[in-house]
Amino acid sequence: MAYSEYRNMALTWEYGRDGEFPYRKTVDGVSLEIRVGDFPDEFIYNLLVDAVEVDNFDAWPENWTRPVG
């Protein structure tokens, strides 16, 4: 699946391992992680697919839900 397809999916994320990687999700056996960049020098968010950075963005997609609590 192309990275842009993940941005278009409705995803509910789980908490990740730490502050640098705060969110994770598995979709069809593929590991997704969000890494927080060094803003403002870098994008706020980086999407990693199976540990490979594939996308960078500043605005959290409206169709993605962060964990509550």
Protein backbone atom coordinates (compact mmCIF):
# COMPACT_ATOMS: atom_id res chain seq x y z
CA MET A 1 0.00 0.00 0.00
CA ALA A 2 1.32 3.45 -0.87
CA TYR A 3 1.93 5.80 2.05
CA SER A 4 -0.68 8.24 0.75
CA GLU A 5 -3.31 5.55 1.18
CA TYR A 6 -2.58 5.45 4.92
CA ARG A 7 -3.14 9.20 5.13
CA ASN A 8 -6.56 8.68 3.52
CA MET A 9 -7.61 5.83 5.84
CA ALA A 10 -9.61 6.31 9.02
CA LEU A 11 -7.11 5.10 11.65
CA THR A 12 -7.41 4.89 15.41
CA TRP A 13 -3.89 4.99 16.84
CA GLU A 14 -2.55 3.34 20.02
CA TYR A 15 0.07 4.77 22.35
CA GLY A 16 3.62 4.15 21.14
CA ARG A 17 6.85 3.44 22.98
CA ASP A 18 7.90 6.94 24.09
CA GLY A 19 7.70 10.68 23.42
CA GLU A 20 9.64 10.45 20.17
CA PHE A 21 7.37 7.67 18.85
CA PRO A 22 4.06 8.48 20.57
CA TYR A 23 1.68 6.52 18.32
CA ARG A 24 1.61 3.14 16.60
CA LYS A 25 -0.82 1.03 14.62
CA THR A 26 -0.78 -2.27 12.73
CA VAL A 27 -2.74 -2.40 9.47
CA ASP A 28 -2.94 -5.67 7.55
CA GLY A 29 0.27 -6.88 9.20
CA VAL A 30 2.14 -3.65 8.42
CA SER A 31 3.63 -1.69 11.32
CA LEU A 32 2.91 2.05 11.31
CA GLU A 33 4.54 4.51 13.69
CA ILE A 34 4.41 8.24 14.15
CA ARG A 35 7.69 9.92 15.04
CA VAL A 36 7.72 13.50 16.31
CA GLY A 37 10.20 15.70 14.46
CA ASP A 38 12.33 18.55 15.82
CA PHE A 39 9.86 21.35 15.03
CA PRO A 40 10.29 24.02 13.64
CA ASP A 41 13.40 22.77 11.83
CA GLU A 42 11.62 19.56 10.79
CA PHE A 43 8.04 18.51 10.15
CA ILE A 44 6.05 17.88 13.33
CA TYR A 45 5.12 14.32 12.32
CA ASN A 46 6.85 11.56 10.37
CA LEU A 47 5.01 8.43 9.26
CA LEU A 48 7.10 5.26 9.36
CA VAL A 49 5.94 2.10 7.61
CA ASP A 50 7.79 -1.01 8.79
CA ALA A 51 10.46 1.30 10.31
CA VAL A 52 11.01 3.24 7.05
CA GLU A 53 10.12 6.95 6.97
CA VAL A 54 7.69 7.47 4.10
CA ASP A 55 5.85 10.73 4.81
CA ASN A 56 6.22 14.01 6.70
CA PHE A 57 3.49 16.44 7.69
CA ASP A 58 2.58 19.20 10.14
CA ALA A 59 -1.22 18.89 10.29
CA TRP A 60 -2.66 15.76 11.91
CA PRO A 61 -5.07 14.12 9.40
CA GLU A 62 -8.70 14.70 10.37
CA ASN A 63 -9.56 11.04 9.75
CA TRP A 64 -6.93 9.82 12.26
CA THR A 65 -7.85 9.46 15.93
CA ARG A 66 -5.29 9.70 18.72
CA PRO A 67 -5.74 7.59 21.86
CA VAL A 68 -7.69 9.13 24.71
CA GLY A 69 -6.26 9.36 28.20
